[in-house]
Amino acid sequence: MKSFIHAWHGVAETARKQHNFRIHLAATAIVIAFGSFIGLSTTEWLAITLSIGFVLSLEMVNTAVEYLVDLISPEYHLIAGKAKDVAAGAVLVAASTAWIIGLIVFIPKIIRMFENG
């Protein structure tokens, strides 16, 4: 139970301190609301849910890397900067992938909505 509580503290810490995580949470809320409105299938929800989890998880890993790098190398160091850049790049790849999945899922449904009036 303590591990679960510590894990939730990590989520809360990230939500409080990381602007990009809050942006991802806002995007998540919008996608869930729109997906509910538009009526996603179970398979579509699986793809969307996995995408959301992937992005949020990597954003938290990125935050952990930033904290560790700042602890180990408080002054600027080229390699420390590269570690942070790579971790941020992982989030970018995940978010880009989630964006593409969102387009694949939502665009056909939006087109059908306009075709059907």
Protein backbone atom coordinates (compact mmCIF):
# COMPACT_ATOMS: atom_id res chain seq x y z
CA MET A 1 0.00 0.00 0.00
CA LYS A 2 2.87 2.38 0.77
CA SER A 3 4.29 1.89 -2.73
CA PHE A 4 0.92 2.77 -4.22
CA ILE A 5 0.74 5.94 -2.10
CA HIS A 6 4.30 6.93 -3.08
CA ALA A 7 3.44 6.35 -6.74
CA TRP A 8 0.39 8.65 -6.47
CA HIS A 9 2.59 11.25 -4.79
CA GLY A 10 4.80 11.05 -7.89
CA VAL A 11 1.84 11.64 -10.17
CA ALA A 12 0.67 14.57 -8.03
CA GLU A 13 4.19 16.04 -7.90
CA THR A 14 4.45 15.88 -11.67
CA ALA A 15 1.01 17.43 -12.13
CA ARG A 16 1.87 20.27 -9.74
CA LYS A 17 5.35 21.06 -11.02
CA GLN A 18 5.42 20.21 -14.73
CA HIS A 19 3.63 22.55 -17.13
CA ASN A 20 3.87 20.11 -20.04
CA PHE A 21 2.28 17.33 -17.96
CA ARG A 22 -0.68 19.62 -17.25
CA ILE A 23 -0.95 20.34 -20.99
CA HIS A 24 -1.03 16.60 -21.65
CA LEU A 25 -3.70 16.17 -18.95
CA ALA A 26 -5.81 18.90 -20.56
CA ALA A 27 -5.41 17.25 -23.97
CA THR A 28 -6.39 13.94 -22.35
CA ALA A 29 -9.59 15.47 -20.98
CA ILE A 30 -10.46 16.93 -24.38
CA VAL A 31 -9.80 13.63 -26.18
CA ILE A 32 -11.86 11.66 -23.66
CA ALA A 33 -14.75 14.12 -23.89
CA PHE A 34 -14.66 14.18 -27.68
CA GLY A 35 -14.28 10.40 -27.86
CA SER A 36 -17.32 9.99 -25.62
CA PHE A 37 -19.29 12.45 -27.74
CA ILE A 38 -18.35 10.90 -31.05
CA GLY A 39 -18.77 7.29 -29.88
CA LEU A 40 -15.48 5.44 -30.18
CA SER A 41 -15.45 1.68 -30.51
CA THR A 42 -13.73 -0.51 -27.93
CA THR A 43 -10.74 -0.95 -30.23
CA GLU A 44 -10.49 2.79 -30.79
CA TRP A 45 -10.66 3.41 -27.03
CA LEU A 46 -7.87 0.88 -26.55
CA ALA A 47 -5.64 2.74 -29.02
CA ILE A 48 -6.46 6.12 -27.47
CA THR A 49 -5.99 4.85 -23.90
CA LEU A 50 -2.64 3.26 -24.70
CA SER A 51 -1.52 6.47 -26.41
CA ILE A 52 -2.54 8.59 -23.43
CA GLY A 53 -0.83 6.25 -20.98
CA PHE A 54 2.32 6.17 -23.11
CA VAL A 55 2.61 9.96 -23.30
CA LEU A 56 1.81 10.60 -19.62
CA SER A 57 4.20 7.87 -18.49
CA LEU A 58 7.04 9.16 -20.63
CA GLU A 59 6.41 12.71 -19.41
CA MET A 60 6.86 11.40 -15.87
CA VAL A 61 10.04 9.52 -16.82
CA ASN A 62 11.30 12.73 -18.42
CA THR A 63 10.60 14.56 -15.16
CA ALA A 64 12.47 11.90 -13.19
CA VAL A 65 15.45 12.20 -15.54
CA GLU A 66 15.43 15.99 -15.15
CA TYR A 67 15.37 15.70 -11.34
CA LEU A 68 18.22 13.18 -11.33
CA VAL A 69 20.35 15.16 -13.76
CA ASP A 70 19.82 18.34 -11.73
CA LEU A 71 20.84 16.47 -8.57
CA ILE A 72 23.96 14.94 -10.10
CA SER A 73 25.00 17.94 -12.19
CA PRO A 74 23.69 21.21 -10.68
CA GLU A 75 25.90 23.25 -13.01
CA TYR A 76 25.49 23.03 -16.75
CA HIS A 77 27.27 20.08 -18.32
CA LEU A 78 27.07 19.11 -21.99
CA ILE A 79 26.32 15.44 -21.28
CA ALA A 80 23.73 16.33 -18.63
CA GLY A 81 22.04 18.55 -21.19
CA LYS A 82 22.08 15.73 -23.73
CA ALA A 83 20.45 13.36 -21.21
CA LYS A 84 17.65 15.87 -20.66
CA ASP A 85 17.28 16.41 -24.41
CA VAL A 86 17.02 12.68 -25.09
CA ALA A 87 14.39 12.23 -22.38
CA ALA A 88 12.41 15.18 -23.77
CA GLY A 89 12.80 13.70 -27.25
CA ALA A 90 11.20 10.48 -26.04
CA VAL A 91 8.16 12.47 -24.95
CA LEU A 92 8.08 14.21 -28.33
CA VAL A 93 8.11 10.86 -30.15
CA ALA A 94 5.33 9.52 -27.91
CA ALA A 95 3.22 12.65 -28.28
CA SER A 96 3.70 12.65 -32.07
CA THR A 97 2.69 9.00 -32.23
CA ALA A 98 -0.38 9.72 -30.08
CA TRP A 99 -1.27 12.62 -32.39
CA ILE A 100 -1.09 10.33 -35.44
CA ILE A 101 -3.21 7.69 -33.71
CA GLY A 102 -5.72 10.39 -32.80
CA LEU A 103 -5.90 11.52 -36.41
CA ILE A 104 -6.39 7.94 -37.63
CA VAL A 105 -9.18 7.38 -35.10
CA PHE A 106 -10.97 10.73 -35.24
CA ILE A 107 -10.71 11.99 -38.83
CA PRO A 108 -12.93 9.28 -40.39
CA LYS A 109 -15.55 9.83 -37.70
CA ILE A 110 -15.50 13.61 -38.20
CA ILE A 111 -15.83 13.17 -41.96
CA ARG A 112 -18.81 10.83 -41.44
CA MET A 113 -20.43 13.40 -39.11
CA PHE A 114 -20.26 16.07 -41.83
CA GLU A 115 -21.41 13.70 -44.55
CA ASN A 116 -24.46 12.68 -42.51
CA GLY A 117 -25.30 16.25 -41.60
